[in-house]
Amino acid sequence: MPRLTYRLEAVPVTKGPKHHFFGYYDKLLWDEDDRYILANEVDFMDRPPSGHDKVTIGIIDTQNNFSFEPISESSAWCWQQGNMLQFKQ
């Protein structure tokens, strides 16, 4: 039986200088049209968040040069729970 191989190209969907994180194994982070990706944006990655740190919640627009568009912000977050954003199914 012939072996099928596929070539996939990884495409970055965020840019610095800020850090972005998104996705959790059972959460739907793409919208139903595969245009927007839910994401969080922060200024740091080298320590746990404190009560004074805010996370910016937004979407990445895959049809507009992967731009990050802020929606809201929160000071009640952590690295694991922040990744649980999802579009309504």
N, C-alpha and C. Protein backbone atom coordinates (compact mmCIF):
# COMPACT_ATOMS: atom_id res chain seq x y z
N MET A 1 0.85 -1.16 0.00
CA MET A 1 0.00 0.00 0.00
C MET A 1 0.90 1.24 0.00
N PRO A 2 0.66 2.18 -0.91
CA PRO A 2 1.50 3.38 -0.95
C PRO A 2 1.29 4.26 0.30
N ARG A 3 2.34 4.89 0.69
CA ARG A 3 2.28 5.77 1.86
C ARG A 3 2.01 7.20 1.40
N LEU A 4 1.00 7.83 1.97
CA LEU A 4 0.67 9.21 1.64
C LEU A 4 1.48 10.15 2.52
N THR A 5 2.04 11.15 1.90
CA THR A 5 2.71 12.19 2.67
C THR A 5 2.12 13.54 2.29
N TYR A 6 2.05 14.40 3.27
CA TYR A 6 1.50 15.73 3.06
C TYR A 6 2.51 16.75 3.51
N ARG A 7 2.57 17.85 2.79
CA ARG A 7 3.43 18.96 3.18
C ARG A 7 2.55 20.09 3.68
N LEU A 8 2.73 20.44 4.92
CA LEU A 8 1.97 21.52 5.51
C LEU A 8 2.92 22.65 5.86
N GLU A 9 2.47 23.86 5.66
CA GLU A 9 3.28 25.02 6.00
C GLU A 9 2.71 25.68 7.25
N ALA A 10 3.55 25.85 8.25
CA ALA A 10 3.13 26.57 9.46
C ALA A 10 3.13 28.07 9.16
N VAL A 11 2.07 28.72 9.57
CA VAL A 11 1.92 30.16 9.32
C VAL A 11 1.73 30.85 10.67
N PRO A 12 2.62 31.80 11.02
CA PRO A 12 2.39 32.52 12.28
C PRO A 12 1.14 33.38 12.19
N VAL A 13 0.34 33.39 13.25
CA VAL A 13 -0.90 34.17 13.23
C VAL A 13 -0.85 35.36 14.20
N THR A 14 0.25 35.53 14.91
CA THR A 14 0.42 36.68 15.79
C THR A 14 1.82 37.25 15.62
N LYS A 15 1.99 38.50 16.06
CA LYS A 15 3.28 39.16 15.99
C LYS A 15 3.55 39.86 17.32
N GLY A 16 4.83 40.06 17.63
CA GLY A 16 5.22 40.78 18.84
C GLY A 16 5.04 42.27 18.64
N PRO A 17 5.38 43.05 19.61
CA PRO A 17 6.18 42.67 20.77
C PRO A 17 5.36 42.05 21.90
N LYS A 18 4.05 42.10 21.85
CA LYS A 18 3.23 41.49 22.91
C LYS A 18 3.13 40.00 22.67
N HIS A 19 2.72 39.28 23.71
CA HIS A 19 2.60 37.82 23.66
C HIS A 19 1.13 37.44 23.55
N HIS A 20 0.87 36.39 22.77
CA HIS A 20 -0.51 35.94 22.54
C HIS A 20 -0.62 34.47 22.92
N PHE A 21 -1.75 34.12 23.49
CA PHE A 21 -2.01 32.71 23.78
C PHE A 21 -3.48 32.43 23.53
N PHE A 22 -3.74 31.21 23.11
CA PHE A 22 -5.09 30.84 22.71
C PHE A 22 -5.20 29.34 22.62
N GLY A 23 -6.40 28.87 22.72
CA GLY A 23 -6.69 27.47 22.49
C GLY A 23 -6.58 26.59 23.71
N TYR A 24 -7.44 25.62 23.79
CA TYR A 24 -7.43 24.59 24.80
C TYR A 24 -7.96 23.36 24.11
N TYR A 25 -7.57 22.19 24.53
CA TYR A 25 -7.82 20.98 23.76
C TYR A 25 -9.28 20.75 23.38
N ASP A 26 -10.22 21.22 24.18
CA ASP A 26 -11.63 20.95 23.86
C ASP A 26 -12.44 22.22 23.58
N LYS A 27 -11.76 23.31 23.27
CA LYS A 27 -12.45 24.58 23.02
C LYS A 27 -12.34 24.97 21.55
N LEU A 28 -13.40 25.55 21.03
CA LEU A 28 -13.46 25.97 19.63
C LEU A 28 -13.00 27.43 19.54
N LEU A 29 -11.77 27.65 19.07
CA LEU A 29 -11.24 29.01 19.03
C LEU A 29 -11.42 29.67 17.67
N TRP A 30 -11.88 28.94 16.66
CA TRP A 30 -12.19 29.52 15.34
C TRP A 30 -13.68 29.81 15.27
N ASP A 31 -14.05 30.88 14.56
CA ASP A 31 -15.47 31.13 14.34
C ASP A 31 -15.98 30.17 13.27
N GLU A 32 -17.28 30.16 13.05
CA GLU A 32 -17.87 29.18 12.13
C GLU A 32 -17.44 29.38 10.68
N ASP A 33 -16.95 30.57 10.31
CA ASP A 33 -16.48 30.82 8.94
C ASP A 33 -14.97 30.68 8.81
N ASP A 34 -14.28 30.28 9.88
CA ASP A 34 -12.81 30.12 9.89
C ASP A 34 -12.08 31.42 9.58
N ARG A 35 -12.68 32.55 9.92
CA ARG A 35 -12.02 33.83 9.69
C ARG A 35 -11.33 34.35 10.97
N TYR A 36 -12.01 34.22 12.10
CA TYR A 36 -11.50 34.81 13.35
C TYR A 36 -11.01 33.73 14.31
N ILE A 37 -9.96 34.06 15.05
CA ILE A 37 -9.41 33.20 16.08
C ILE A 37 -9.47 33.98 17.39
N LEU A 38 -10.03 33.39 18.42
CA LEU A 38 -10.04 34.03 19.73
C LEU A 38 -8.64 33.97 20.33
N ALA A 39 -8.21 35.05 21.00
CA ALA A 39 -6.87 35.07 21.58
C ALA A 39 -6.80 36.05 22.74
N ASN A 40 -5.79 35.85 23.57
CA ASN A 40 -5.47 36.76 24.66
C ASN A 40 -4.13 37.40 24.37
N GLU A 41 -3.92 38.61 24.88
CA GLU A 41 -2.69 39.35 24.63
C GLU A 41 -2.19 39.92 25.96
N VAL A 42 -0.88 39.73 26.24
CA VAL A 42 -0.26 40.25 27.46
C VAL A 42 1.12 40.81 27.12
N ASP A 43 1.67 41.57 28.10
CA ASP A 43 2.99 42.17 27.92
C ASP A 43 4.13 41.29 28.43
N PHE A 44 3.85 40.19 29.09
CA PHE A 44 4.89 39.39 29.72
C PHE A 44 4.59 37.90 29.58
N MET A 45 5.61 37.08 29.76
CA MET A 45 5.46 35.61 29.73
C MET A 45 6.39 34.94 30.73
N ASP A 46 7.10 35.72 31.55
CA ASP A 46 8.16 35.17 32.38
C ASP A 46 7.80 35.03 33.86
N ARG A 47 6.52 35.17 34.20
CA ARG A 47 6.10 35.07 35.59
C ARG A 47 4.59 34.83 35.65
N PRO A 48 4.09 34.39 36.79
CA PRO A 48 2.64 34.25 36.93
C PRO A 48 1.99 35.64 36.96
N PRO A 49 0.75 35.75 36.51
CA PRO A 49 0.06 37.04 36.58
C PRO A 49 -0.26 37.40 38.03
N SER A 50 -0.22 38.69 38.32
CA SER A 50 -0.61 39.19 39.64
C SER A 50 -2.00 39.82 39.54
N GLY A 51 -2.51 40.26 40.66
CA GLY A 51 -3.83 40.89 40.66
C GLY A 51 -3.86 42.22 39.93
N HIS A 52 -2.69 42.76 39.61
CA HIS A 52 -2.62 44.05 38.92
C HIS A 52 -2.47 43.89 37.40
N ASP A 53 -2.16 42.68 36.95
CA ASP A 53 -1.96 42.44 35.52
C ASP A 53 -3.30 42.29 34.81
N LYS A 54 -3.38 42.85 33.63
CA LYS A 54 -4.59 42.73 32.81
C LYS A 54 -4.26 41.93 31.56
N VAL A 55 -5.23 41.18 31.09
CA VAL A 55 -5.13 40.46 29.82
C VAL A 55 -6.09 41.15 28.86
N THR A 56 -5.65 41.34 27.63
CA THR A 56 -6.53 41.87 26.59
C THR A 56 -7.13 40.70 25.84
N ILE A 57 -8.44 40.68 25.74
CA ILE A 57 -9.17 39.62 25.05
C ILE A 57 -9.52 40.15 23.67
N GLY A 58 -9.26 39.36 22.63
CA GLY A 58 -9.54 39.85 21.29
C GLY A 58 -9.66 38.74 20.28
N ILE A 59 -9.71 39.16 19.02
CA ILE A 59 -9.78 38.21 17.91
C ILE A 59 -8.65 38.51 16.93
N ILE A 60 -8.20 37.47 16.28
CA ILE A 60 -7.22 37.60 15.19
C ILE A 60 -7.99 37.44 13.90
N ASP A 61 -7.88 38.43 13.03
CA ASP A 61 -8.59 38.43 11.76
C ASP A 61 -7.69 37.83 10.68
N THR A 62 -7.99 36.62 10.25
CA THR A 62 -7.15 35.93 9.27
C THR A 62 -7.26 36.53 7.87
N GLN A 63 -8.26 37.39 7.65
CA GLN A 63 -8.41 38.01 6.33
C GLN A 63 -7.94 39.46 6.32
N ASN A 64 -7.33 39.90 7.43
CA ASN A 64 -6.81 41.25 7.52
C ASN A 64 -5.39 41.20 8.09
N ASN A 65 -4.51 40.51 7.40
CA ASN A 65 -3.10 40.41 7.76
C ASN A 65 -2.90 39.88 9.18
N PHE A 66 -3.79 39.00 9.63
CA PHE A 66 -3.73 38.41 10.97
C PHE A 66 -3.64 39.48 12.06
N SER A 67 -4.39 40.57 11.90
CA SER A 67 -4.37 41.64 12.88
C SER A 67 -5.10 41.20 14.16
N PHE A 68 -4.60 41.66 15.29
CA PHE A 68 -5.25 41.41 16.58
C PHE A 68 -6.18 42.58 16.87
N GLU A 69 -7.46 42.28 17.08
CA GLU A 69 -8.46 43.30 17.35
C GLU A 69 -8.98 43.13 18.77
N PRO A 70 -8.64 44.07 19.68
CA PRO A 70 -9.10 43.96 21.07
C PRO A 70 -10.61 44.03 21.18
N ILE A 71 -11.16 43.25 22.11
CA ILE A 71 -12.59 43.26 22.40
C ILE A 71 -12.84 43.78 23.81
N SER A 72 -12.03 43.30 24.77
CA SER A 72 -12.21 43.67 26.16
C SER A 72 -10.92 43.38 26.91
N GLU A 73 -10.91 43.62 28.21
CA GLU A 73 -9.77 43.25 29.04
C GLU A 73 -10.28 42.78 30.39
N SER A 74 -9.41 42.06 31.11
CA SER A 74 -9.79 41.51 32.40
C SER A 74 -8.58 41.47 33.32
N SER A 75 -8.83 41.62 34.60
CA SER A 75 -7.77 41.42 35.59
C SER A 75 -8.00 40.11 36.34
N ALA A 76 -9.06 39.39 36.02
CA ALA A 76 -9.37 38.09 36.62
C ALA A 76 -9.05 36.99 35.61
N TRP A 77 -7.79 36.52 35.62
CA TRP A 77 -7.40 35.52 34.63
C TRP A 77 -6.18 34.76 35.13
N CYS A 78 -5.91 33.65 34.49
CA CYS A 78 -4.68 32.88 34.69
C CYS A 78 -4.34 32.24 33.35
N TRP A 79 -3.14 31.71 33.23
CA TRP A 79 -2.69 31.16 31.94
C TRP A 79 -3.60 30.04 31.45
N GLN A 80 -4.00 29.13 32.34
CA GLN A 80 -4.80 27.99 31.90
C GLN A 80 -6.24 28.39 31.59
N GLN A 81 -6.88 29.14 32.48
CA GLN A 81 -8.28 29.50 32.26
C GLN A 81 -8.44 30.51 31.14
N GLY A 82 -7.44 31.35 30.93
CA GLY A 82 -7.51 32.31 29.83
C GLY A 82 -7.57 31.64 28.48
N ASN A 83 -7.03 30.43 28.40
CA ASN A 83 -7.03 29.69 27.14
C ASN A 83 -8.37 29.05 26.83
N MET A 84 -9.32 29.16 27.71
CA MET A 84 -10.60 28.49 27.52
C MET A 84 -11.65 29.35 26.82
N LEU A 85 -11.23 30.45 26.18
CA LEU A 85 -12.14 31.22 25.35
C LEU A 85 -12.72 30.30 24.27
N GLN A 86 -13.95 30.53 23.88
CA GLN A 86 -14.49 29.75 22.77
C GLN A 86 -15.66 30.47 22.14
N PHE A 87 -15.88 30.20 20.85
CA PHE A 87 -17.08 30.68 20.17
C PHE A 87 -18.22 29.77 20.57
N LYS A 88 -19.41 30.33 20.61
CA LYS A 88 -20.59 29.54 20.94
C LYS A 88 -20.80 28.49 19.84
N GLN A 89 -21.05 27.27 20.27
CA GLN A 89 -21.22 26.19 19.31
C GLN A 89 -22.66 26.00 18.93
